[in-house]
């Protein structure tokens, strides 16, 4: 059987509908609908569109993933029929959180909307995280201490830019930077400003056109201990940053007097 036929059979069964009932709604014969569920025939585009609207599941989902692995309510409530966000559940009904490993992160920009890429990711369950879609991303670099390489930031999917909160941290998926973890500052007409917790780095603007996804910090998973000397290194960087700021202010004052 094809993915489409399996999905059609599953969705109909989940809604406790007969083949005749669905066929009547689609304005086709029961025998014709039965052939689609048995994979004996493929529905033409106009019928496929009707099936998609009837079950309120996008054509992309119907053709590419096994929807029985997901919560149907979460699939049908997705904005714009997004593919990558259905909440995956295990056999015990626990939400599964996809893990974007360091290796997988290299292809995330190309794969975040690809159901096959998402389905092949490893998953974990964190029972204390409820009420949303969560995903784990790898921390990279020294911009957000104490989160070092080897730490995973678990984020909750943000649907609207208006939901961003000042001074809260988020994982931003952007066309230029890929995956980055930063603290949100404020909105502008054509972008948003973010900053690193490491004061060595300057705040910067992310154009709205570059933003692909945003995930709000939910929790972190550390896989390595933070060594004492790393805190010392962080303080040194901040000290250098402060010196640079002082020098800049002194130069500005001298310039004003001249």
Protein backbone atom coordinates (compact mmCIF):
# COMPACT_ATOMS: atom_id res chain seq x y z
CA UNK A 1 0.00 0.00 0.00
CA UNK A 2 1.12 3.59 -0.62
CA UNK A 3 1.51 6.24 2.05
CA UNK A 4 -1.55 8.02 0.65
CA UNK A 5 -3.77 4.93 0.79
CA UNK A 6 -2.62 4.11 4.34
CA UNK A 7 -3.30 7.68 5.44
CA UNK A 8 -6.76 7.70 3.88
CA UNK A 9 -7.66 4.43 5.60
CA UNK A 10 -6.27 5.64 8.94
CA UNK A 11 -8.01 9.03 8.86
CA UNK A 12 -11.35 7.50 7.93
CA UNK A 13 -11.03 4.92 10.70
CA UNK A 14 -9.99 7.60 13.21
CA UNK A 15 -13.15 9.55 12.43
CA UNK A 16 -15.30 6.38 12.52
CA UNK A 17 -16.57 6.93 8.98
CA UNK A 18 -17.64 4.40 6.37
CA UNK A 19 -16.21 4.36 2.86
CA UNK A 20 -19.70 5.14 1.56
CA UNK A 21 -19.98 8.22 3.78
CA UNK A 22 -16.64 9.62 2.59
CA UNK A 23 -17.37 8.74 -1.04
CA UNK A 24 -20.70 10.58 -0.84
CA UNK A 25 -18.96 13.66 0.53
CA UNK A 26 -16.40 13.52 -2.30
CA UNK A 27 -19.16 12.97 -4.90
CA UNK A 28 -17.66 9.71 -6.14
CA UNK A 29 -18.72 6.05 -5.91
CA UNK A 30 -17.81 3.89 -2.94
CA UNK A 31 -16.00 1.48 -5.27
CA UNK A 32 -13.85 4.26 -6.64
CA UNK A 33 -12.96 5.48 -3.16
CA UNK A 34 -12.19 1.91 -2.10
CA UNK A 35 -9.63 1.60 -4.91
CA UNK A 36 -7.82 4.66 -3.57
CA UNK A 37 -7.64 3.14 -0.07
CA UNK A 38 -6.45 -0.19 -1.49
CA UNK A 39 -3.82 1.57 -3.63
CA UNK A 40 -5.37 -0.06 -6.69
CA UNK A 41 -5.68 3.41 -8.25
CA UNK A 42 -4.28 6.90 -7.68
CA UNK A 43 -6.77 9.77 -7.28
CA UNK A 44 -6.48 12.57 -9.85
CA UNK A 45 -5.48 16.00 -8.60
CA UNK A 46 -9.02 17.34 -8.27
CA UNK A 47 -10.05 14.37 -6.11
CA UNK A 48 -6.83 14.56 -4.11
CA UNK A 49 -7.63 18.20 -3.32
CA UNK A 50 -11.11 17.20 -2.15
CA UNK A 51 -9.66 14.46 0.06
CA UNK A 52 -7.19 16.96 1.56
CA UNK A 53 -9.94 19.47 2.35
CA UNK A 54 -12.28 16.79 3.68
CA UNK A 55 -9.79 15.44 6.21
CA UNK A 56 -8.30 18.92 6.79
CA UNK A 57 -4.79 17.59 6.21
CA UNK A 58 -2.47 19.13 3.61
CA UNK A 59 -1.65 17.24 0.41
CA UNK A 60 2.04 17.34 1.38
CA UNK A 61 1.29 15.48 4.60
CA UNK A 62 -1.02 12.98 2.91
CA UNK A 63 1.61 12.06 0.33
CA UNK A 64 4.82 12.14 2.35
CA UNK A 65 4.43 11.03 5.98
CA UNK A 66 2.60 8.39 7.98
CA UNK A 67 0.07 10.58 9.81
CA UNK A 68 -0.74 7.79 12.27
CA UNK A 69 2.51 8.69 14.06
CA UNK A 70 1.17 12.12 14.94
CA UNK A 71 -1.63 13.72 16.89
CA UNK A 72 -4.38 14.47 14.35
CA UNK A 73 -5.58 17.49 16.32
CA UNK A 74 -2.12 19.05 16.15
CA UNK A 75 -1.83 18.37 12.43
CA UNK A 76 -5.15 19.99 11.53
CA UNK A 77 -4.49 23.07 13.67
CA UNK A 78 -1.15 23.95 12.08
CA UNK A 79 -0.89 27.45 10.55
CA UNK A 80 -0.63 27.34 6.75
CA UNK A 81 -0.58 23.51 6.80
CA UNK A 82 3.06 23.46 7.85
CA UNK A 83 4.73 20.11 7.38
CA UNK A 84 7.44 20.03 10.00
CA UNK A 85 5.46 20.85 13.11
CA UNK A 86 3.02 18.03 13.87
CA UNK A 87 3.63 16.75 17.40
CA UNK A 88 5.07 13.26 17.27
CA UNK A 89 3.96 10.84 19.96
CA UNK A 90 5.33 7.45 21.02
CA UNK A 91 3.29 4.31 21.71
CA UNK A 92 2.62 5.54 25.25
CA UNK A 93 1.25 8.86 24.07
CA UNK A 94 4.29 10.90 25.17
CA UNK A 95 5.34 13.81 22.97
CA UNK A 96 8.56 13.16 21.08
CA UNK A 97 11.08 15.97 20.69
CA UNK A 98 13.28 15.87 17.59
CA UNK A 99 16.99 16.32 18.27
CA UNK A 100 18.95 18.36 15.75
CA UNK A 101 22.44 16.95 16.26
CA UNK A 102 25.55 18.93 15.34
CA UNK A 103 25.82 16.86 12.16
CA UNK A 104 22.13 17.20 11.31
CA UNK A 105 22.24 20.96 11.95
CA UNK A 106 24.35 21.44 8.83
CA UNK A 107 21.39 20.42 6.70
CA UNK A 108 18.60 21.90 8.79
CA UNK A 109 18.04 24.94 6.59
CA UNK A 110 17.38 22.65 3.64
CA UNK A 111 15.53 20.01 5.62
CA UNK A 112 13.36 21.85 8.13
CA UNK A 113 10.37 21.69 5.76
CA UNK A 114 11.17 18.17 4.49
CA UNK A 115 9.06 15.51 6.26
CA UNK A 116 11.57 12.77 5.45
CA UNK A 117 14.43 14.75 7.02
CA UNK A 118 12.39 15.41 10.17
CA UNK A 119 11.19 11.80 10.46
CA UNK A 120 14.78 10.52 10.35
CA UNK A 121 15.86 12.63 13.33
CA UNK A 122 16.41 10.97 16.69
CA UNK A 123 13.88 11.86 19.38
CA UNK A 124 13.60 12.15 23.15
CA UNK A 125 10.65 12.57 25.53
CA UNK A 126 10.57 15.14 28.33
CA UNK A 127 7.27 14.63 30.19
CA UNK A 128 7.51 18.01 31.96
CA UNK A 129 7.25 19.88 28.63
CA UNK A 130 3.63 20.19 27.56
CA UNK A 131 1.44 22.46 25.48
CA UNK A 132 3.34 23.05 22.27
CA UNK A 133 5.76 21.75 19.70
CA UNK A 134 9.34 21.36 20.99
CA UNK A 135 12.65 20.68 19.26
CA UNK A 136 16.25 20.43 20.55
CA UNK A 137 19.05 22.42 18.89
CA UNK A 138 22.83 22.27 19.51
CA UNK A 139 24.57 25.24 21.13
CA UNK A 140 27.59 26.49 19.21
CA UNK A 141 30.32 28.93 20.13
CA UNK A 142 30.78 31.12 23.19
CA UNK A 143 28.14 33.80 22.63
CA UNK A 144 25.63 32.49 25.17
CA UNK A 145 27.40 31.36 28.35
CA UNK A 146 27.10 29.07 30.22
CA UNK A 147 25.80 27.10 27.22
CA UNK A 148 28.84 25.64 25.50
CA UNK A 149 29.34 23.22 22.64
CA UNK A 150 27.65 19.95 23.55
CA UNK A 151 24.64 21.65 25.14
CA UNK A 152 21.20 21.27 23.60
CA UNK A 153 18.68 24.10 23.79
CA UNK A 154 15.13 22.77 23.75
CA UNK A 155 12.83 25.33 22.17
CA UNK A 156 9.07 25.73 21.85
CA UNK A 157 7.88 26.75 18.39
CA UNK A 158 6.82 30.40 18.09
CA UNK A 159 4.03 31.00 15.60
CA UNK A 160 3.95 34.82 15.58
CA UNK A 161 6.60 37.52 15.91
CA UNK A 162 4.24 39.38 18.24
CA UNK A 163 4.76 36.56 20.77
CA UNK A 164 8.45 37.45 21.23
CA UNK A 165 9.22 38.82 24.69
CA UNK A 166 11.99 41.33 25.42
CA UNK A 167 15.06 39.82 27.09
CA UNK A 168 13.84 36.25 26.59
CA UNK A 169 16.10 33.86 24.68
CA UNK A 170 15.21 32.11 21.43
CA UNK A 171 16.67 29.82 18.82
CA UNK A 172 16.49 31.69 15.50
CA UNK A 173 16.61 29.80 12.20
CA UNK A 174 17.69 32.27 9.53
CA UNK A 175 18.75 32.12 5.91
CA UNK A 176 22.22 33.58 6.61
CA UNK A 177 23.19 32.29 10.07
CA UNK A 178 21.36 28.98 10.12
CA UNK A 179 20.80 28.06 13.79
CA UNK A 180 21.62 30.74 16.36
CA UNK A 181 20.67 31.15 20.00
CA UNK A 182 20.25 34.77 21.11
CA UNK A 183 18.32 37.12 23.39
CA UNK A 184 15.51 39.14 21.77
CA UNK A 185 15.63 42.93 22.20
CA UNK A 186 13.02 44.75 20.12
CA UNK A 187 11.14 44.95 16.82
CA UNK A 188 11.77 47.25 13.89
CA UNK A 189 9.62 47.66 10.80
CA UNK A 190 11.74 45.30 8.71
CA UNK A 191 13.58 43.27 11.34
CA UNK A 192 14.27 42.38 14.94
CA UNK A 193 17.28 43.14 17.16
CA UNK A 194 18.97 40.42 19.17
CA UNK A 195 22.06 40.19 21.32
CA UNK A 196 24.39 37.63 22.84
CA UNK A 197 24.77 37.26 26.60
CA UNK A 198 28.53 37.39 26.05
CA UNK A 199 29.11 41.17 26.03
CA UNK A 200 32.11 40.66 23.77
CA UNK A 201 29.65 40.52 20.86
CA UNK A 202 27.65 43.46 19.56
CA UNK A 203 23.82 43.33 19.21
CA UNK A 204 22.68 42.92 15.63
CA UNK A 205 19.58 43.08 13.45
CA UNK A 206 17.92 40.10 11.77
CA UNK A 207 15.88 41.10 8.68
CA UNK A 208 12.38 39.63 8.78
CA UNK A 209 12.89 38.25 5.27
CA UNK A 210 15.69 35.97 6.57
CA UNK A 211 13.72 34.40 9.44
CA UNK A 212 12.57 30.83 8.79
CA UNK A 213 11.64 29.64 12.30
CA UNK A 214 11.81 30.84 15.91
CA UNK A 215 11.87 28.59 19.00
CA UNK A 216 11.51 29.96 22.53
CA UNK A 217 13.83 28.58 25.22
CA UNK A 218 12.08 25.85 27.21
CA UNK A 219 15.02 24.05 28.87
CA UNK A 220 18.62 23.02 28.25
CA UNK A 221 20.42 19.68 28.27
CA UNK A 222 24.09 19.84 29.19
CA UNK A 223 26.31 17.00 28.05
CA UNK A 224 29.57 18.44 29.40
CA UNK A 225 30.63 20.05 32.65
CA UNK A 226 31.48 23.74 32.65
CA UNK A 227 35.09 24.11 33.78
CA UNK A 228 36.08 26.90 36.24
CA UNK A 229 38.67 28.34 33.86
CA UNK A 230 35.97 28.88 31.26
CA UNK A 231 34.26 31.31 33.60
CA UNK A 232 37.59 33.14 33.94
CA UNK A 233 37.90 33.35 30.16
CA UNK A 234 34.40 34.76 29.94
CA UNK A 235 35.25 37.47 32.51
CA UNK A 236 38.40 38.39 30.58
CA UNK A 237 36.37 38.83 27.40
CA UNK A 238 33.91 41.07 29.22
CA UNK A 239 36.81 43.08 30.67
CA UNK A 240 38.25 43.62 27.18
CA UNK A 241 34.82 44.62 25.96
CA UNK A 242 34.51 47.21 28.72
CA UNK A 243 37.94 48.63 27.92
CA UNK A 244 36.99 48.98 24.24
CA UNK A 245 33.78 50.75 25.24
CA UNK A 246 35.67 53.14 27.53
CA UNK A 247 38.19 53.94 24.79
CA UNK A 248 35.37 54.60 22.32
CA UNK A 249 33.65 56.98 24.75
CA UNK A 250 36.91 58.83 25.44
CA UNK A 251 37.52 59.28 21.69
CA UNK A 252 33.98 60.60 21.25
CA UNK A 253 34.46 63.12 24.05
CA UNK A 254 37.79 64.27 22.57
CA UNK A 255 36.13 64.60 19.17
CA UNK A 256 33.33 66.72 20.61
CA UNK A 257 35.83 69.11 22.23
CA UNK A 258 37.69 69.52 18.94
